[in-house]
């Protein structure tokens, strides 16, 4: 039950981390980012990430907790990268191009870490 509750709360923390990343990116580079806070953006992140947390995050967290006891936070970040590579491979078979963008390389590990934090 704790994992399901964490899967429901983790998208909220993921959105907050996206906003923090956007603000820090804006201040460090000086490049304006369009509208950081929006209900639509929150709903978009929540609707797309909740199924991933429920379907993929819960089984991965069970495996991580059984395998690794010491550096669980690092395992959750690595799990985010594993999911990124799997999704990229599926997209590669669909369109024939293997590409990983910078935003995905930040978003997926953040998703894994936010699930760890909510647990």
N, C-alpha and C. Protein backbone atom coordinates (compact mmCIF):
# COMPACT_ATOMS: atom_id res chain seq x y z
N UNK A 1 0.82 -1.20 0.00
CA UNK A 1 0.00 0.00 0.00
C UNK A 1 0.86 1.26 0.00
N UNK A 2 2.02 1.20 0.68
CA UNK A 2 2.90 2.36 0.71
C UNK A 2 3.42 2.70 -0.68
N UNK A 3 3.71 1.68 -1.47
CA UNK A 3 4.23 1.91 -2.82
C UNK A 3 3.17 2.53 -3.73
N UNK A 4 1.93 2.12 -3.58
CA UNK A 4 0.85 2.71 -4.38
C UNK A 4 0.66 4.17 -3.99
N UNK A 5 0.68 4.46 -2.71
CA UNK A 5 0.58 5.84 -2.25
C UNK A 5 1.75 6.67 -2.75
N UNK A 6 2.94 6.10 -2.73
CA UNK A 6 4.12 6.79 -3.25
C UNK A 6 3.98 7.02 -4.76
N UNK A 7 3.40 6.06 -5.47
CA UNK A 7 3.20 6.23 -6.92
C UNK A 7 2.20 7.33 -7.22
N UNK A 8 1.27 7.56 -6.33
CA UNK A 8 0.29 8.64 -6.52
C UNK A 8 0.89 10.00 -6.17
N UNK A 9 1.77 10.04 -5.18
CA UNK A 9 2.36 11.30 -4.73
C UNK A 9 3.59 11.69 -5.55
N UNK A 10 4.33 10.73 -6.06
CA UNK A 10 5.58 10.99 -6.76
C UNK A 10 5.44 11.93 -7.97
N UNK A 11 4.35 11.87 -8.76
CA UNK A 11 4.25 12.83 -9.87
C UNK A 11 4.20 14.29 -9.40
N UNK A 12 3.65 14.53 -8.21
CA UNK A 12 3.63 15.89 -7.67
C UNK A 12 5.05 16.36 -7.39
N UNK A 13 5.83 15.50 -6.75
CA UNK A 13 7.22 15.82 -6.46
C UNK A 13 8.03 15.95 -7.76
N UNK A 14 7.70 15.13 -8.76
CA UNK A 14 8.38 15.23 -10.05
C UNK A 14 8.11 16.58 -10.70
N UNK A 15 6.87 17.04 -10.66
CA UNK A 15 6.55 18.35 -11.23
C UNK A 15 7.28 19.47 -10.49
N UNK A 16 7.32 19.38 -9.17
CA UNK A 16 8.04 20.39 -8.38
C UNK A 16 9.52 20.39 -8.75
N UNK A 17 10.10 19.21 -8.96
CA UNK A 17 11.52 19.16 -9.34
C UNK A 17 11.72 19.71 -10.75
N UNK A 18 10.76 19.51 -11.65
CA UNK A 18 10.85 20.12 -12.98
C UNK A 18 10.82 21.64 -12.89
N UNK A 19 9.98 22.16 -12.03
CA UNK A 19 9.89 23.61 -11.85
C UNK A 19 11.20 24.16 -11.26
N UNK A 20 11.74 23.47 -10.27
CA UNK A 20 13.01 23.90 -9.68
C UNK A 20 14.12 23.84 -10.72
N UNK A 21 14.15 22.79 -11.52
CA UNK A 21 15.14 22.68 -12.60
C UNK A 21 14.97 23.82 -13.59
N UNK A 22 13.74 24.12 -13.95
CA UNK A 22 13.48 25.20 -14.90
C UNK A 22 13.92 26.56 -14.39
N UNK A 23 13.66 26.81 -13.12
CA UNK A 23 14.07 28.09 -12.52
C UNK A 23 15.58 28.18 -12.47
N UNK A 24 16.25 27.12 -12.02
CA UNK A 24 17.71 27.16 -11.94
C UNK A 24 18.34 27.25 -13.33
N UNK A 25 17.77 26.55 -14.30
CA UNK A 25 18.29 26.63 -15.68
C UNK A 25 18.15 28.04 -16.22
N UNK A 26 17.03 28.66 -15.90
CA UNK A 26 16.77 30.02 -16.35
C UNK A 26 17.79 31.00 -15.77
N UNK A 27 18.08 30.87 -14.48
CA UNK A 27 19.03 31.78 -13.84
C UNK A 27 20.47 31.51 -14.27
N UNK A 28 20.82 30.26 -14.49
CA UNK A 28 22.19 29.94 -14.87
C UNK A 28 22.52 30.31 -16.32
N UNK A 29 21.55 30.15 -17.21
CA UNK A 29 21.82 30.41 -18.63
C UNK A 29 21.30 31.76 -19.10
N UNK A 30 20.32 32.30 -18.43
CA UNK A 30 19.72 33.55 -18.87
C UNK A 30 18.72 33.38 -19.99
N UNK A 31 18.51 32.15 -20.42
CA UNK A 31 17.54 31.87 -21.48
C UNK A 31 16.15 31.80 -20.86
N UNK A 32 15.23 32.60 -21.35
CA UNK A 32 13.88 32.54 -20.78
C UNK A 32 13.18 31.23 -21.14
N UNK A 33 12.52 30.66 -20.16
CA UNK A 33 11.74 29.45 -20.36
C UNK A 33 10.27 29.84 -20.29
N UNK A 34 9.46 29.39 -21.24
CA UNK A 34 8.05 29.77 -21.19
C UNK A 34 7.34 29.20 -19.97
N UNK A 35 6.52 29.97 -19.39
CA UNK A 35 5.63 29.68 -18.27
C UNK A 35 6.00 28.42 -17.48
N UNK A 36 6.58 28.63 -16.31
CA UNK A 36 7.03 27.52 -15.49
C UNK A 36 5.91 26.90 -14.66
N UNK A 37 5.02 27.71 -14.15
CA UNK A 37 3.95 27.21 -13.29
C UNK A 37 2.64 27.24 -14.05
N UNK A 38 2.03 26.09 -14.25
CA UNK A 38 0.70 26.07 -14.86
C UNK A 38 -0.03 24.81 -14.43
N UNK A 39 -1.32 24.93 -14.30
CA UNK A 39 -2.14 23.77 -13.95
C UNK A 39 -2.11 22.75 -15.09
N UNK A 40 -2.09 23.24 -16.33
CA UNK A 40 -2.03 22.33 -17.47
C UNK A 40 -0.72 21.53 -17.46
N UNK A 41 0.39 22.20 -17.17
CA UNK A 41 1.67 21.51 -17.10
C UNK A 41 1.69 20.47 -15.99
N UNK A 42 1.11 20.82 -14.85
CA UNK A 42 1.03 19.87 -13.75
C UNK A 42 0.19 18.66 -14.14
N UNK A 43 -0.96 18.91 -14.73
CA UNK A 43 -1.84 17.80 -15.14
C UNK A 43 -1.18 16.93 -16.20
N UNK A 44 -0.45 17.55 -17.11
CA UNK A 44 0.25 16.80 -18.15
C UNK A 44 1.30 15.87 -17.54
N UNK A 45 2.10 16.39 -16.63
CA UNK A 45 3.11 15.57 -15.96
C UNK A 45 2.43 14.47 -15.16
N UNK A 46 1.38 14.81 -14.45
CA UNK A 46 0.71 13.83 -13.60
C UNK A 46 0.06 12.71 -14.42
N UNK A 47 -0.65 13.08 -15.47
CA UNK A 47 -1.36 12.08 -16.28
C UNK A 47 -0.40 11.14 -16.99
N UNK A 48 0.73 11.66 -17.47
CA UNK A 48 1.67 10.81 -18.18
C UNK A 48 2.58 10.00 -17.25
N UNK A 49 2.90 10.54 -16.08
CA UNK A 49 3.83 9.83 -15.21
C UNK A 49 3.16 8.84 -14.27
N UNK A 50 1.92 9.07 -13.90
CA UNK A 50 1.24 8.17 -12.96
C UNK A 50 1.19 6.72 -13.46
N UNK A 51 0.82 6.45 -14.72
CA UNK A 51 0.84 5.05 -15.17
C UNK A 51 2.24 4.42 -15.13
N UNK A 52 3.27 5.21 -15.43
CA UNK A 52 4.63 4.68 -15.35
C UNK A 52 5.00 4.33 -13.93
N UNK A 53 4.62 5.17 -12.99
CA UNK A 53 4.91 4.88 -11.59
C UNK A 53 4.16 3.63 -11.13
N UNK A 54 2.91 3.49 -11.54
CA UNK A 54 2.12 2.35 -11.11
C UNK A 54 2.56 1.05 -11.78
N UNK A 55 2.81 1.09 -13.08
CA UNK A 55 3.10 -0.13 -13.83
C UNK A 55 4.58 -0.51 -13.77
N UNK A 56 5.46 0.47 -13.85
CA UNK A 56 6.89 0.20 -13.90
C UNK A 56 7.57 0.49 -12.57
N UNK A 57 7.18 1.58 -11.93
CA UNK A 57 7.87 2.01 -10.71
C UNK A 57 7.70 1.07 -9.54
N UNK A 58 6.51 0.55 -9.34
CA UNK A 58 6.28 -0.34 -8.20
C UNK A 58 7.07 -1.65 -8.34
N UNK A 59 7.02 -2.35 -9.50
CA UNK A 59 7.85 -3.57 -9.61
C UNK A 59 9.35 -3.30 -9.50
N UNK A 60 9.81 -2.19 -10.11
CA UNK A 60 11.23 -1.84 -10.01
C UNK A 60 11.61 -1.56 -8.56
N UNK A 61 10.74 -0.89 -7.81
CA UNK A 61 11.07 -0.57 -6.42
C UNK A 61 11.13 -1.84 -5.56
N UNK A 62 10.29 -2.81 -5.86
CA UNK A 62 10.34 -4.07 -5.13
C UNK A 62 11.67 -4.78 -5.42
N UNK A 63 12.08 -4.80 -6.69
CA UNK A 63 13.35 -5.43 -7.05
C UNK A 63 14.53 -4.69 -6.41
N UNK A 64 14.50 -3.37 -6.45
CA UNK A 64 15.60 -2.59 -5.87
C UNK A 64 15.70 -2.84 -4.37
N UNK A 65 14.58 -2.87 -3.69
CA UNK A 65 14.60 -3.07 -2.24
C UNK A 65 15.10 -4.47 -1.87
N UNK A 66 14.86 -5.46 -2.72
CA UNK A 66 15.35 -6.81 -2.43
C UNK A 66 16.83 -6.96 -2.77
N UNK A 67 17.30 -6.26 -3.79
CA UNK A 67 18.68 -6.41 -4.25
C UNK A 67 19.64 -5.52 -3.47
N UNK A 68 19.30 -4.25 -3.35
CA UNK A 68 20.24 -3.26 -2.82
C UNK A 68 19.68 -2.65 -1.55
N UNK A 69 20.44 -2.74 -0.49
CA UNK A 69 20.00 -2.17 0.79
C UNK A 69 20.72 -0.87 1.14
N UNK A 70 21.93 -0.65 0.61
CA UNK A 70 22.72 0.50 1.04
C UNK A 70 22.46 1.75 0.21
N UNK A 71 22.69 1.69 -1.09
CA UNK A 71 22.60 2.88 -1.95
C UNK A 71 21.32 2.82 -2.78
N UNK A 72 20.19 2.79 -2.10
CA UNK A 72 18.91 2.69 -2.81
C UNK A 72 18.65 3.91 -3.67
N UNK A 73 19.01 5.09 -3.20
CA UNK A 73 18.75 6.31 -3.97
C UNK A 73 19.46 6.25 -5.31
N UNK A 74 20.68 5.73 -5.33
CA UNK A 74 21.42 5.59 -6.58
C UNK A 74 20.77 4.55 -7.48
N UNK A 75 20.25 3.50 -6.90
CA UNK A 75 19.57 2.46 -7.68
C UNK A 75 18.31 3.00 -8.35
N UNK A 76 17.60 3.88 -7.67
CA UNK A 76 16.40 4.48 -8.27
C UNK A 76 16.78 5.41 -9.43
N UNK A 77 17.87 6.12 -9.30
CA UNK A 77 18.34 6.98 -10.39
C UNK A 77 18.76 6.12 -11.58
N UNK A 78 19.48 5.03 -11.32
CA UNK A 78 19.89 4.12 -12.39
C UNK A 78 18.67 3.48 -13.04
N UNK A 79 17.65 3.16 -12.25
CA UNK A 79 16.42 2.61 -12.81
C UNK A 79 15.76 3.61 -13.76
N UNK A 80 15.84 4.89 -13.43
CA UNK A 80 15.33 5.91 -14.35
C UNK A 80 16.06 5.89 -15.68
N UNK A 81 17.38 5.72 -15.64
CA UNK A 81 18.16 5.62 -16.88
C UNK A 81 17.83 4.34 -17.64
N UNK A 82 17.60 3.25 -16.94
CA UNK A 82 17.24 1.99 -17.61
C UNK A 82 15.92 2.16 -18.36
N UNK A 83 14.95 2.77 -17.73
CA UNK A 83 13.66 3.01 -18.39
C UNK A 83 13.85 3.94 -19.58
N UNK A 84 14.70 4.95 -19.45
CA UNK A 84 14.99 5.85 -20.57
C UNK A 84 15.55 5.07 -21.75
N UNK A 85 16.49 4.18 -21.50
CA UNK A 85 17.09 3.40 -22.59
C UNK A 85 16.07 2.46 -23.20
N UNK A 86 15.23 1.82 -22.38
CA UNK A 86 14.20 0.93 -22.93
C UNK A 86 13.21 1.68 -23.80
N UNK A 87 12.75 2.82 -23.35
CA UNK A 87 11.81 3.61 -24.15
C UNK A 87 12.47 4.11 -25.43
N UNK A 88 13.73 4.50 -25.34
CA UNK A 88 14.45 4.96 -26.53
C UNK A 88 14.63 3.82 -27.53
N UNK A 89 14.89 2.62 -27.04
CA UNK A 89 15.01 1.48 -27.95
C UNK A 89 13.69 1.16 -28.64
N UNK A 90 12.59 1.25 -27.92
CA UNK A 90 11.27 1.03 -28.53
C UNK A 90 11.02 2.08 -29.61
N UNK A 91 11.34 3.34 -29.32
CA UNK A 91 11.18 4.40 -30.31
C UNK A 91 12.11 4.21 -31.49
N UNK A 92 13.29 3.64 -31.26
CA UNK A 92 14.24 3.39 -32.34
C UNK A 92 13.67 2.36 -33.30
N UNK A 93 13.03 1.32 -32.78
CA UNK A 93 12.43 0.32 -33.65
C UNK A 93 11.27 0.90 -34.45
N UNK A 94 10.59 1.90 -33.90
CA UNK A 94 9.46 2.51 -34.59
C UNK A 94 9.89 3.46 -35.69
N UNK A 95 10.88 4.33 -35.42
CA UNK A 95 11.23 5.34 -36.41
C UNK A 95 12.64 5.20 -36.97
N UNK A 96 13.44 4.29 -36.45
CA UNK A 96 14.76 4.02 -37.01
C UNK A 96 15.87 4.95 -36.55
N UNK A 97 15.61 5.87 -35.65
CA UNK A 97 16.64 6.79 -35.15
C UNK A 97 16.82 6.60 -33.66
N UNK A 98 18.07 6.42 -33.24
CA UNK A 98 18.38 6.31 -31.82
C UNK A 98 18.82 7.68 -31.33
N UNK A 99 17.93 8.37 -30.64
CA UNK A 99 18.25 9.70 -30.11
C UNK A 99 17.76 9.82 -28.68
N UNK A 100 18.61 10.39 -27.84
CA UNK A 100 18.25 10.70 -26.46
C UNK A 100 18.54 12.18 -26.26
N UNK A 101 17.53 12.95 -25.92
CA UNK A 101 17.74 14.38 -25.72
C UNK A 101 18.15 14.67 -24.28
N UNK A 102 18.68 15.87 -24.08
CA UNK A 102 19.18 16.28 -22.77
C UNK A 102 18.07 16.32 -21.72
N UNK A 103 16.90 16.75 -22.11
CA UNK A 103 15.80 16.85 -21.16
C UNK A 103 15.41 15.47 -20.63
N UNK A 104 15.42 14.46 -21.50
CA UNK A 104 15.09 13.11 -21.06
C UNK A 104 16.16 12.56 -20.13
N UNK A 105 17.41 12.91 -20.40
CA UNK A 105 18.50 12.42 -19.56
C UNK A 105 18.43 13.02 -18.15
N UNK A 106 17.69 14.09 -18.00
CA UNK A 106 17.49 14.69 -16.69
C UNK A 106 16.16 14.24 -16.09
N UNK A 107 15.12 14.14 -16.92
CA UNK A 107 13.78 13.86 -16.43
C UNK A 107 13.62 12.45 -15.87
N UNK A 108 14.13 11.45 -16.56
CA UNK A 108 13.94 10.07 -16.11
C UNK A 108 14.64 9.77 -14.79
N UNK A 109 15.90 10.18 -14.61
CA UNK A 109 16.50 9.97 -13.28
C UNK A 109 15.79 10.77 -12.18
N UNK A 110 15.29 11.96 -12.53
CA UNK A 110 14.53 12.75 -11.56
C UNK A 110 13.26 12.01 -11.16
N UNK A 111 12.65 11.33 -12.13
CA UNK A 111 11.44 10.56 -11.84
C UNK A 111 11.76 9.42 -10.88
N UNK A 112 12.86 8.73 -11.12
CA UNK A 112 13.25 7.65 -10.22
C UNK A 112 13.58 8.16 -8.83
N UNK A 113 14.29 9.28 -8.77
CA UNK A 113 14.65 9.84 -7.47
C UNK A 113 13.43 10.37 -6.73
N UNK A 114 12.47 10.94 -7.45
CA UNK A 114 11.25 11.42 -6.77
C UNK A 114 10.45 10.28 -6.20
N UNK A 115 10.46 9.11 -6.88
CA UNK A 115 9.80 7.95 -6.32
C UNK A 115 10.50 7.48 -5.06
N UNK A 116 11.84 7.52 -5.06
CA UNK A 116 12.60 7.15 -3.86
C UNK A 116 12.28 8.10 -2.70
N UNK A 117 12.22 9.37 -2.98
CA UNK A 117 11.95 10.36 -1.93
C UNK A 117 10.54 10.14 -1.33
N UNK A 118 9.56 9.86 -2.17
CA UNK A 118 8.20 9.67 -1.65
C UNK A 118 8.06 8.36 -0.88
N UNK A 119 8.90 7.38 -1.20
CA UNK A 119 8.86 6.14 -0.40
C UNK A 119 9.38 6.41 0.99
